[in-house]
Protein backbone atom coordinates (compact mmCIF):
# COMPACT_ATOMS: atom_id res chain seq x y z
CA MET A 1 -14.49 -35.58 -19.47
CA GLY A 2 -11.38 -33.74 -20.67
CA SER A 3 -7.86 -33.50 -19.29
CA PHE A 4 -6.83 -31.27 -16.42
CA ARG A 5 -5.11 -28.02 -17.36
CA ARG A 6 -4.57 -25.56 -14.55
CA PRO A 7 -5.06 -22.01 -15.86
CA GLU A 8 -1.81 -20.09 -16.24
CA SER A 9 -1.01 -16.41 -15.89
CA GLY A 10 -0.85 -16.10 -19.66
CA ASP A 11 -4.58 -16.79 -19.79
CA ILE A 12 -5.32 -13.58 -17.94
CA GLY A 13 -7.20 -10.87 -19.78
CA GLY A 14 -10.00 -8.39 -19.34
CA THR A 15 -8.84 -4.95 -18.23
CA PRO A 16 -11.18 -2.01 -17.65
CA SER A 17 -10.41 -0.77 -21.16
CA GLU A 18 -11.68 -4.04 -22.61
CA LEU A 19 -14.94 -3.51 -20.76
CA ILE A 20 -15.57 -0.33 -22.70
CA SER A 21 -15.49 -2.22 -25.98
CA HIS A 22 -17.84 -4.97 -24.82
CA PRO A 23 -21.08 -4.36 -26.76
CA ARG A 24 -23.44 -5.83 -24.16
CA LEU A 25 -21.92 -3.79 -21.32
CA ASP A 26 -21.61 -0.41 -22.99
CA ALA A 27 -25.27 0.53 -22.65
CA LYS A 28 -26.45 -1.55 -19.73
CA SER A 29 -24.79 -4.14 -17.54
CA PRO A 30 -26.58 -7.51 -17.40
CA VAL A 31 -25.38 -7.95 -13.79
CA LYS A 32 -27.39 -6.22 -11.07
CA ARG A 33 -26.34 -8.20 -8.00
CA GLY A 34 -23.09 -9.92 -7.07
CA ILE A 35 -23.39 -12.81 -4.60
CA ILE A 36 -19.99 -13.70 -3.15
CA VAL A 37 -19.80 -16.97 -1.22
CA VAL A 38 -16.48 -17.57 0.52
CA LEU A 39 -15.67 -21.20 1.31
CA ASP A 40 -13.45 -20.23 4.23
CA GLY A 41 -9.99 -21.76 3.86
CA ALA A 42 -10.73 -23.72 0.65
CA GLY A 43 -7.39 -23.22 -1.08
CA ILE A 44 -6.47 -25.14 -4.22
CA GLY A 45 -2.69 -25.26 -4.12
CA ALA A 46 0.37 -23.37 -2.92
CA ALA A 47 0.51 -19.74 -4.05
CA PRO A 48 3.53 -18.57 -6.06
CA ASP A 49 5.06 -17.05 -2.90
CA ALA A 50 4.21 -19.98 -0.59
CA ALA A 51 7.90 -20.57 0.18
CA GLU A 52 8.01 -17.24 2.04
CA TYR A 53 5.38 -18.63 4.41
CA GLY A 54 6.74 -22.16 4.75
CA ASP A 55 3.75 -23.53 2.82
CA VAL A 56 5.29 -25.17 -0.23
CA GLY A 57 3.24 -28.28 -1.00
CA ALA A 58 0.05 -27.09 0.70
CA ASN A 59 -3.16 -27.88 -1.19
CA THR A 60 -6.30 -27.85 0.90
CA LEU A 61 -8.79 -29.38 -1.53
CA GLY A 62 -6.18 -31.70 -3.00
CA GLY A 63 -5.17 -32.96 0.45
CA VAL A 64 -8.78 -33.45 1.52
CA ASP A 65 -9.48 -35.31 -1.72
CA ARG A 66 -6.62 -37.73 -1.09
CA ALA A 67 -7.52 -38.26 2.56
CA CYS A 68 -11.14 -39.01 1.61
CA GLY A 69 -10.15 -41.45 -1.12
CA GLY A 70 -11.60 -39.17 -3.78
CA LEU A 71 -14.24 -36.46 -3.41
CA PRO A 72 -17.34 -36.74 -5.61
CA LEU A 73 -18.51 -33.14 -5.99
CA PRO A 74 -20.70 -33.36 -9.10
CA ASN A 75 -22.39 -29.96 -8.85
CA LEU A 76 -19.23 -27.99 -8.12
CA GLY A 77 -17.62 -30.09 -10.84
CA ARG A 78 -20.21 -29.04 -13.41
CA LEU A 79 -19.43 -25.43 -12.56
CA GLY A 80 -15.73 -26.05 -13.24
CA LEU A 81 -14.02 -26.86 -9.93
CA GLY A 82 -12.29 -29.90 -11.45
CA ASN A 83 -10.80 -27.62 -14.10
CA LEU A 84 -8.94 -25.71 -11.37
CA VAL A 85 -7.57 -28.43 -9.08
CA PRO A 86 -7.06 -32.17 -9.70
CA LEU A 87 -9.72 -34.11 -7.78
CA SER A 88 -10.01 -37.89 -8.09
CA ASN A 89 -13.78 -38.12 -8.51
CA THR A 90 -14.46 -34.62 -9.85
CA PRO A 91 -12.80 -34.50 -13.29
CA PRO A 92 -12.48 -31.44 -15.54
CA GLU A 93 -15.55 -30.45 -17.54
CA PRO A 94 -15.10 -29.76 -21.27
CA GLN A 95 -17.81 -27.06 -21.05
CA PRO A 96 -18.22 -25.87 -17.45
CA LEU A 97 -21.45 -24.09 -16.60
CA ALA A 98 -19.48 -21.29 -14.92
CA ALA A 99 -16.71 -18.94 -15.89
CA TYR A 100 -13.69 -20.28 -14.02
CA GLY A 101 -10.23 -19.23 -12.93
CA ILE A 102 -7.64 -19.11 -10.17
CA MET A 103 -6.75 -16.13 -7.98
CA ASP A 104 -3.39 -15.63 -6.26
CA PRO A 105 -3.09 -13.58 -3.07
CA ARG A 106 -1.09 -10.36 -3.11
CA SER A 107 -1.69 -9.04 0.41
CA GLN A 108 0.94 -9.73 3.02
CA GLY A 109 -0.18 -12.41 5.47
CA LYS A 110 -2.56 -15.31 5.10
CA ASP A 111 -5.35 -14.51 7.52
CA THR A 112 -9.09 -14.14 7.20
CA ILE A 113 -9.14 -10.35 7.21
CA SER A 114 -6.43 -9.81 4.60
CA GLY A 115 -8.11 -12.39 2.33
CA HIS A 116 -11.59 -10.87 2.59
CA TRP A 117 -10.32 -7.30 2.31
CA GLU A 118 -8.41 -8.23 -0.85
CA LEU A 119 -11.55 -9.82 -2.31
CA ALA A 120 -13.22 -6.46 -1.69
CA GLY A 121 -10.43 -4.54 -3.40
CA LEU A 122 -7.93 -3.70 -0.65
CA ILE A 123 -4.36 -5.10 -0.76
CA LEU A 124 -2.33 -4.96 2.46
CA LYS A 125 1.36 -4.13 2.07
CA ARG A 126 2.26 -5.14 5.64
CA ALA A 127 1.08 -8.23 7.48
CA PHE A 128 -0.77 -7.92 10.76
CA PRO A 129 1.41 -8.67 13.83
CA THR A 130 1.36 -12.16 15.34
CA TYR A 131 2.45 -13.33 18.79
CA PRO A 132 3.49 -17.00 18.78
CA GLN A 133 5.16 -16.51 22.20
CA GLY A 134 2.26 -14.62 23.74
CA PHE A 135 1.62 -10.90 24.07
CA PRO A 136 4.15 -8.45 25.54
CA GLU A 137 3.91 -7.71 29.25
CA GLU A 138 2.93 -4.08 28.62
CA VAL A 139 -0.11 -5.18 26.58
CA ILE A 140 -1.28 -7.68 29.20
CA ALA A 141 -0.66 -5.26 32.08
CA SER A 142 -2.64 -2.51 30.37
CA PHE A 143 -5.51 -4.90 29.70
CA GLU A 144 -5.55 -6.18 33.30
CA ARG A 145 -5.62 -2.64 34.69
CA SER A 146 -8.46 -1.65 32.39
CA VAL A 147 -10.75 -4.63 33.15
CA GLY A 148 -9.77 -4.97 36.82
CA LYS A 149 -8.90 -8.66 36.52
CA ARG A 150 -5.74 -10.69 36.13
CA VAL A 151 -5.68 -13.00 33.12
CA MET A 152 -4.40 -16.52 32.62
CA GLY A 153 -2.92 -18.20 29.59
CA ASN A 154 -1.28 -15.63 27.30
CA LEU A 155 0.07 -18.20 24.86
CA ALA A 156 -0.63 -19.59 21.43
CA ALA A 157 -3.06 -22.48 21.71
CA SER A 158 -6.03 -24.28 20.25
CA GLY A 159 -9.27 -22.78 21.51
CA THR A 160 -10.81 -26.10 22.48
CA GLU A 161 -7.61 -27.34 24.11
CA ILE A 162 -7.00 -24.25 26.21
CA ILE A 163 -10.48 -24.14 27.76
CA ALA A 164 -10.19 -27.85 28.58
CA ARG A 165 -6.85 -27.22 30.29
CA LEU A 166 -7.52 -23.88 32.00
CA GLY A 167 -11.31 -24.10 32.39
CA PRO A 168 -11.26 -25.55 35.94
CA GLU A 169 -8.92 -22.83 37.21
CA HIS A 170 -11.02 -20.20 35.42
CA LEU A 171 -14.10 -21.45 37.27
CA ARG A 172 -12.26 -21.18 40.61
CA THR A 173 -10.67 -17.78 40.07
CA GLY A 174 -12.88 -15.96 37.57
CA ARG A 175 -9.77 -14.89 35.63
CA PRO A 176 -10.39 -14.56 31.87
CA ILE A 177 -8.37 -16.78 29.54
CA VAL A 178 -6.28 -14.86 27.00
CA TYR A 179 -4.68 -16.69 24.10
CA THR A 180 -3.68 -16.31 20.48
CA SER A 181 -2.87 -18.52 17.49
CA ALA A 182 -0.75 -18.38 14.37
CA ASP A 183 -3.23 -15.73 13.16
CA SER A 184 -3.18 -12.09 14.21
CA VAL A 185 -5.75 -12.48 17.00
CA PHE A 186 -6.19 -11.62 20.68
CA GLN A 187 -8.77 -14.08 21.99
CA ILE A 188 -10.57 -13.91 25.32
CA ALA A 189 -12.39 -17.01 26.58
CA ALA A 190 -14.73 -17.03 29.56
CA HIS A 191 -17.47 -19.25 30.98
CA GLU A 192 -20.84 -17.58 30.52
CA GLY A 193 -21.71 -18.28 34.16
CA ILE A 194 -18.54 -16.58 35.41
CA ILE A 195 -18.21 -13.65 33.02
CA PRO A 196 -21.52 -12.92 31.25
CA VAL A 197 -21.33 -12.58 27.48
CA GLU A 198 -22.01 -8.84 27.46
CA GLU A 199 -19.22 -8.29 29.97
CA LEU A 200 -16.92 -10.43 27.84
CA TYR A 201 -17.78 -8.25 24.85
CA SER A 202 -16.90 -5.15 26.87
CA PHE A 203 -13.52 -6.72 27.73
CA CYS A 204 -12.95 -7.24 24.01
CA GLY A 205 -13.80 -3.62 23.32
CA VAL A 206 -11.18 -2.57 25.87
CA ALA A 207 -8.61 -4.86 24.27
CA ARG A 208 -9.44 -3.48 20.82
CA GLU A 209 -8.59 0.04 22.00
CA ILE A 210 -5.34 -1.11 23.60
CA LEU A 211 -4.20 -3.15 20.59
CA SER A 212 -3.28 -0.29 18.27
CA GLY A 213 -0.13 0.99 16.63
CA GLU A 214 2.58 -1.67 16.50
CA HIS A 215 0.27 -4.11 18.34
CA ALA A 216 -2.73 -3.58 16.06
CA VAL A 217 -3.80 -7.21 15.68
CA ALA A 218 -6.35 -7.95 13.01
CA ARG A 219 -9.02 -9.23 15.36
CA VAL A 220 -9.97 -9.36 19.03
CA ILE A 221 -12.29 -12.34 19.47
CA ALA A 222 -14.76 -13.11 22.27
CA ARG A 223 -14.91 -16.87 22.94
CA PRO A 224 -17.67 -17.63 25.46
CA PHE A 225 -18.10 -21.21 26.64
CA THR A 226 -20.20 -23.32 28.99
CA SER A 227 -19.68 -26.61 30.80
CA ASP A 228 -21.62 -29.83 31.10
CA PRO A 229 -20.87 -32.72 33.47
CA GLY A 230 -21.07 -35.18 30.59
CA GLU A 231 -19.40 -33.15 27.84
CA GLY A 232 -16.90 -30.94 29.66
CA PHE A 233 -16.26 -27.42 28.39
CA LYS A 234 -17.95 -26.40 25.15
CA ARG A 235 -17.74 -23.17 23.15
CA THR A 236 -21.06 -21.49 22.44
CA GLY A 237 -22.39 -19.58 19.45
CA GLY A 238 -21.72 -16.24 21.16
CA ARG A 239 -18.41 -15.66 19.40
CA ARG A 240 -17.92 -12.07 18.32
CA ASP A 241 -15.03 -10.55 16.38
CA PHE A 242 -13.78 -7.01 16.95
CA SER A 243 -11.83 -6.27 13.79
CA LEU A 244 -9.77 -3.34 12.63
CA PRO A 245 -11.69 -1.24 10.11
CA PRO A 246 -10.38 -1.32 6.53
CA PRO A 247 -7.92 1.57 6.04
CA ALA A 248 -9.46 2.52 2.68
CA ALA A 249 -12.73 2.22 0.79
CA THR A 250 -13.80 -1.19 -0.51
CA ILE A 251 -16.43 -2.10 -3.08
CA LEU A 252 -18.81 -2.54 -0.13
CA ASP A 253 -18.40 1.12 0.83
CA LEU A 254 -18.83 2.18 -2.78
CA ALA A 255 -22.00 0.13 -3.25
CA ALA A 256 -23.52 1.28 0.04
CA GLY A 257 -22.64 4.86 -0.89
CA MET A 258 -24.78 4.44 -4.00
CA ARG A 259 -27.65 3.25 -1.78
CA LEU A 260 -27.41 -0.29 -3.09
CA PRO A 261 -28.24 -3.12 -0.68
CA VAL A 262 -25.07 -4.69 0.74
CA VAL A 263 -25.85 -7.76 2.85
CA SER A 264 -23.45 -9.68 5.09
CA ILE A 265 -24.11 -13.37 5.83
CA GLY A 266 -22.13 -15.03 8.59
CA LYS A 267 -19.04 -13.36 10.07
CA VAL A 268 -18.32 -11.07 7.11
CA HIS A 269 -19.64 -7.93 8.84
CA ASP A 270 -17.20 -8.50 11.71
CA ILE A 271 -14.31 -8.84 9.26
CA PHE A 272 -15.08 -5.36 7.91
CA ALA A 273 -15.82 -3.89 11.36
CA ASP A 274 -19.49 -3.54 10.36
CA ARG A 275 -18.55 -1.01 7.67
CA GLY A 276 -20.14 -0.93 4.23
CA PHE A 277 -23.19 -3.08 4.97
CA THR A 278 -26.85 -2.17 4.91
CA ALA A 279 -27.88 -5.45 6.60
CA SER A 280 -26.14 -8.29 8.45
CA ILE A 281 -27.47 -11.80 9.03
CA PRO A 282 -25.54 -13.94 11.55
CA THR A 283 -25.25 -17.71 11.11
CA VAL A 284 -24.24 -20.53 13.45
CA ASP A 285 -22.65 -22.98 11.00
CA ASN A 286 -22.38 -23.94 7.33
CA GLU A 287 -25.82 -25.52 7.21
CA ASP A 288 -27.40 -22.39 8.61
CA GLY A 289 -25.31 -20.25 6.27
CA LEU A 290 -26.45 -22.20 3.20
CA ARG A 291 -30.08 -21.80 4.28
CA VAL A 292 -29.65 -18.04 4.72
CA ILE A 293 -27.87 -17.71 1.38
CA ARG A 294 -30.67 -19.54 -0.40
CA GLU A 295 -33.39 -17.50 1.29
CA THR A 296 -31.57 -14.19 0.80
CA VAL A 297 -31.05 -14.85 -2.89
CA ALA A 298 -34.72 -15.80 -3.30
CA MET A 299 -36.30 -13.06 -1.20
CA GLY A 300 -33.81 -10.24 -1.20
CA SER A 301 -33.32 -7.27 -3.48
CA SER A 302 -32.31 -8.02 -7.06
CA GLU A 303 -29.42 -5.53 -6.92
CA GLY A 304 -26.33 -4.76 -4.89
CA ILE A 305 -23.96 -7.17 -3.15
CA VAL A 306 -24.43 -10.21 -0.93
CA PHE A 307 -21.23 -11.29 0.84
CA ALA A 308 -21.37 -14.64 2.66
CA ASN A 309 -18.84 -16.75 4.55
CA LEU A 310 -19.09 -20.49 5.28
CA VAL A 311 -16.71 -20.73 8.22
CA ASP A 312 -16.84 -24.43 9.19
CA PHE A 313 -14.24 -25.51 6.62
CA ASP A 314 -11.65 -23.40 8.42
CA SER A 315 -12.72 -23.38 12.06
CA LYS A 316 -14.05 -26.91 12.51
CA TYR A 317 -11.92 -28.93 10.11
CA GLY A 318 -8.89 -27.09 8.72
CA HIS A 319 -7.47 -25.87 12.02
CA ARG A 320 -8.32 -29.17 13.68
CA ASN A 321 -6.59 -31.32 11.06
CA ASP A 322 -9.80 -33.14 10.17
CA PRO A 323 -9.79 -33.84 6.42
CA LEU A 324 -12.67 -36.31 6.63
CA GLY A 325 -14.91 -33.73 8.29
CA TYR A 326 -13.75 -31.18 5.72
CA GLY A 327 -14.68 -33.55 2.90
CA GLU A 328 -18.15 -34.14 4.31
CA ALA A 329 -18.67 -30.37 4.64
CA LEU A 330 -17.75 -29.99 0.97
CA ARG A 331 -20.26 -32.66 0.01
CA VAL A 332 -22.98 -30.81 1.96
CA VAL A 333 -22.24 -27.60 0.06
CA ASP A 334 -22.16 -29.46 -3.23
CA LYS A 335 -25.60 -30.92 -2.52
CA GLU A 336 -27.00 -27.43 -1.87
CA ILE A 337 -25.60 -25.83 -5.04
CA PRO A 338 -28.58 -26.69 -7.33
CA GLY A 339 -31.06 -25.17 -4.88
CA ILE A 340 -29.09 -21.92 -4.76
CA LEU A 341 -28.74 -21.77 -8.54
CA GLU A 342 -32.49 -22.20 -8.94
CA GLN A 343 -33.11 -19.06 -6.88
CA LEU A 344 -30.89 -16.80 -8.97
CA GLY A 345 -32.59 -14.00 -10.85
CA GLU A 346 -31.70 -12.90 -14.36
CA GLY A 347 -29.37 -10.15 -13.12
CA ASP A 348 -27.66 -12.25 -10.43
CA LEU A 349 -24.04 -13.36 -10.54
CA LEU A 350 -22.98 -16.04 -8.04
CA ILE A 351 -19.27 -16.09 -7.18
CA LEU A 352 -17.75 -19.05 -5.32
CA THR A 353 -14.25 -18.47 -3.96
CA ALA A 354 -12.07 -18.60 -0.82
CA ASP A 355 -9.96 -16.29 1.33
CA HIS A 356 -6.85 -18.45 1.96
CA GLY A 357 -5.97 -22.10 2.49
CA CYS A 358 -6.23 -24.18 5.66
CA ASP A 359 -4.91 -27.59 4.63
CA PRO A 360 -5.87 -30.16 7.30
CA THR A 361 -3.28 -32.59 5.89
CA PHE A 362 -0.37 -30.10 6.04
CA PRO A 363 1.95 -29.95 9.10
CA GLY A 364 0.62 -27.61 11.79
CA THR A 365 -2.80 -26.06 12.29
CA ASP A 366 -2.22 -22.66 10.70
CA HIS A 367 -3.70 -21.16 7.56
CA THR A 368 -1.76 -22.01 4.42
CA ARG A 369 -0.67 -19.57 1.71
CA GLU A 370 -2.67 -20.82 -1.26
CA SER A 371 -4.36 -19.73 -4.43
CA VAL A 372 -8.14 -19.87 -4.42
CA PRO A 373 -10.85 -20.99 -6.84
CA LEU A 374 -12.93 -18.54 -8.83
CA LEU A 375 -16.28 -19.76 -10.18
CA LEU A 376 -18.90 -17.36 -11.57
CA TYR A 377 -22.39 -18.44 -12.58
CA GLY A 378 -25.44 -16.44 -13.59
CA PRO A 379 -28.54 -17.01 -15.73
CA ALA A 380 -27.35 -14.33 -18.17
CA LEU A 381 -23.70 -15.46 -18.17
CA ALA A 382 -22.40 -17.86 -20.80
CA GLY A 383 -20.37 -20.61 -19.14
CA GLY A 384 -17.16 -22.23 -20.22
CA CYS A 385 -15.03 -19.07 -20.12
CA CYS A 386 -11.52 -19.55 -18.71
CA LEU A 387 -10.56 -16.45 -16.72
CA GLY A 388 -6.99 -17.62 -16.30
CA ARG A 389 -4.77 -17.15 -13.32
CA ARG A 390 -5.51 -13.80 -11.73
CA GLU A 391 -2.66 -11.96 -10.02
CA SER A 392 -4.78 -10.78 -7.09
CA PHE A 393 -8.03 -11.51 -5.28
CA ALA A 394 -8.72 -7.82 -5.89
CA ASP A 395 -9.45 -8.61 -9.55
CA LEU A 396 -12.85 -9.80 -8.34
CA ALA A 397 -13.57 -6.43 -6.72
CA ALA A 398 -12.49 -4.55 -9.85
CA THR A 399 -14.77 -6.74 -11.96
CA LEU A 400 -17.79 -6.27 -9.71
CA ALA A 401 -17.13 -2.53 -9.63
CA ASP A 402 -17.33 -2.52 -13.43
CA LEU A 403 -20.37 -4.77 -13.69
CA LEU A 404 -22.34 -2.94 -10.99
CA ARG A 405 -21.25 0.44 -12.35
CA LEU A 406 -19.70 1.53 -9.05
CA PRO A 407 -17.70 4.78 -8.93
CA ASP A 408 -14.10 4.61 -10.11
CA GLN A 409 -11.55 3.98 -7.38
CA ALA A 410 -8.34 6.00 -7.50
CA GLY A 411 -5.42 3.61 -7.80
CA ARG A 412 -7.69 0.56 -8.20
CA ALA A 413 -5.82 -2.44 -6.81
CA GLY A 414 -7.19 -5.16 -9.07
CA GLN A 415 -7.55 -5.68 -12.81
CA SER A 416 -11.08 -6.25 -14.05
CA PHE A 417 -11.86 -9.35 -16.10
CA ALA A 418 -15.34 -8.09 -17.00
CA GLY A 419 -14.28 -7.84 -20.63
CA LYS A 420 -13.64 -11.60 -20.76
CA LEU A 421 -17.15 -12.50 -19.60
CA ARG A 422 -19.72 -13.30 -22.27
CA PHE A 423 -23.41 -12.81 -21.73
CA ARG A 424 -26.35 -14.35 -23.48
């Protein structure tokens, strides 16, 4: 099946100037719609600057593979995943069906927002603030005054653990539970029978206004939950993220500005503060997300951008140090790949990638600073093209901007690899 050779930076090519000389792209681009599917947290090895984050040795897919005794992912393997990261039962393909490469992060931080924004062409020069010791007294006091309630918690904790520990007191007092994590988040948990979901959302809106300037966290997150005598406290599907808006235009804004359809699937619209989308479709888990992706590809417009996130890898398995659950989730996605490929139209380009790592076998429960896979497949695209090791996630945005003929961006962050792609 061929030997493993991880793409190196010397393999990189395909600048905007190369695109001009590409004969098939000069007159008319063969790509009409880009379909980005983010496998949330599916890193493939420590990024070059992982030491700055304490993440040397992290490798999400590699760690999951070892913990599972070898991951058979035949469909992702045929696309070229085994050419990017060593996997016991998914060897390299001599002629992958997809164009394949590796992308390194350049934004500061390793959170969901910075990863997705960079995929859309925006590189952050300063990381969002984090609060491992809890939020400052002035932030909490301002929030309590605004909502008219005292809070409890104010510490870094697991979401499931903190509602199990503080849930009984919350039921007695009605005080909302405030907590954070290693990410730049201000999370508010409340029982739906004590603080209705809409009221919880209003509390989050208040917090979003307070958390500005030096305390401008990436996301304020509503975490409603319920209780059952047999199951204890359980989070519901009413989560809602209140994110900072991107500080500059992304390819989503550019596409929407050209009146192209831009569809969010899953939590992506929250990550961009609902900006740049013409439609948003919420999902409850990976299975639901895969169904929506398949149906959207089959029934939607044949142009524009579809941007989907499969969150379970990160939220259910990575943060909870569950490599076996992570492996099973990967197998579910792998099984669905053929059905998605069958729905692609002639002008479609499917992109499989990730936003950061979240290695369930690495010490701690935080995201990990990792490189991410890059797999591109389309009916008009010739497979087997090595795209090398890209210096930024933003290279994807630059490439889509070229292929979809979006307006030029001043000071474009990424380098297009459109000139390396070969079309039938």
